[in-house]
Amino acid sequence: MLNTRLKLVAPRVAPVLDAAFRPPALANRAFGALAAQTGRAVPVRVALEQANGSIEHFATNVLPEDHPDSGGNFPHVERWLKFLLWSRGGFRIHFAGPASLAEALAGHYRAHATGKFDAEMMGGRIYERPFEVRWCQPDELPPHRSNTQPLGRHLEGCRIGFDLGGSDRKVAAVIDGRVVFSEEVVWDPVRQPDPQYHYDGIMHSLRRAAEHLPRVDAIGGSAAGVYVNNRVKVASLFRGVPPDLFNRRVKDLFFEIRKAWNNVPFEVANDGEVTALAGSMALGDNAVLGIALGTSTAGGYVTPQGNITSWLNELAFVPVDYNPGASVDEWSGDFGCGARYFSQQCVGRLVEVAGIPVAAGTPLPECLKQVQALMASNDERARRIYQTIGTYLGYTIAHFADFYEFRHLLILGRVTSGTGGEVILDEAKHVLQAEFPELAARVNLHTPDEKEKRHGQAIAAASLPVIPHP
């Protein structure tokens, strides 16, 4: 329990089904104010290094070591860094701050189960470099280097767009930006140990779309997970695949699929990134943070300049609840992570608290369907689930605003379907107005309309590849 020595702040608006919820935004603001009040705040500066040479700089303050509340220094920095690792990414942390904190962090990533998960994912799986914490003086931090690039928005030609979720896969045939066919198919990829299941399912959807096109000029896709240059790094869709088989077949699965389609221009991106792109295209504006509430939680970001970055934006793993007794993520083993608050997993864990009887072992998509049916009949128990998610979202928007510059927050995904999505947004707005009025005035919350939900993601995914012109 890492946060037992960090003072937590009860929210002014408590989630109706989770009175123990403790928002990071409030704890971090209180900790920063306490450090400032001492007149002796100790600066911490870090630089996160990625394998492509990108280096991102961040800063916070901690308490002097002789302060009676200095026991909160480590949990504050560890939770802060966990957010940075999963939002930005990095295999090396250059740490300019108290040497004792750097040593404690290195020990955490080396020996603590949740720290080892973060280190192994960042180092071994994503960047394929040894993960390390390097202590240094402030003037020894490597200089900032960013890597941004335009993403998608290419609509010409005959394209296929696909989206791979944990409970369904979608595909669309697009001609010059117009959807001429779309289809959604239920599947169960997470528990499948054989990658052939995934390959066959994706190929089936692509063939279905191709039947409605005179030719296929390009294929673009979105999928839950981390993808670098079309190579699968970390993805919940393939969690059931043994590691050796993952390395042999899954890593280059999309290269195999591209080859089967005569090597047409082919691009795959994280579904959160495509969510943000779809939102930016629909709104005609940039500075968009997108969150997809599906089987897990996906995030994506379009900068104020209209570009994407080399950041991970894996919001499923970022801390959104500092209560040490918070719900634990089954994959990372950590508590209070995004996937347990903004996904079907959240609905599944709240149904019992809400007093809704659901048979043991009911799959999460079926559980969500039951809650949605109750919501459609104005059931107060279902409404409380959506209100709770909305409260989580309101406080988490304030947390995200400390790490992202955005004017628009877009939420979508199966959890937001129906009137429940409206309740989530209304409750989030209520929280912002009550606790963070300055954010309420400058951040616009959106959920796509039904047409955009059906076609927006597919069009954005289809727009990813560049078709070379002679």
Foldseek 3Di string as FASTA:
>chain_A
DLQPLQDFDQAPDAQPLCRLFTFPLRSQVVQQVVLVVVVNWWKKKKWAAALVGAIDIDIGTAHDPPDPSNSRVQSNVVLVVQQCCQFFNHQEIEMATDPVSLVVLQCCLVPPLLNVLSNCLRDCQARVHHHHYHYDHPVPHDDGDWFWDAFFPAQAAWFKEKEDDQFKIKIFIGHSLRTPDIDIGTDHQLQDQDCVVVLVVVVVRVVVRVVRDPAHQEYFYAYAAAADPNFGRDHSSNNNHDPVVCVVDVRCVVVVVCVVRVNHFYYYHHLQQLQQVLVCVVVVAFQEWEWEAEQFIAIHHQANVRIGTSGNRRQRARAGGSSCPADADPPSRHHRGRRCQRYLNVLVVCCVSLVHDDDPPDDSVVSLVVLQVCVVVVNVSSLSSLLSSLQSLLSVVSVVVVPGGGQEYEYYYPNLPDCSVVSSVVNSLVSCVVPPVVSNVRHHYDYDDPVCNRPSSRSSRRRGGDRDDD
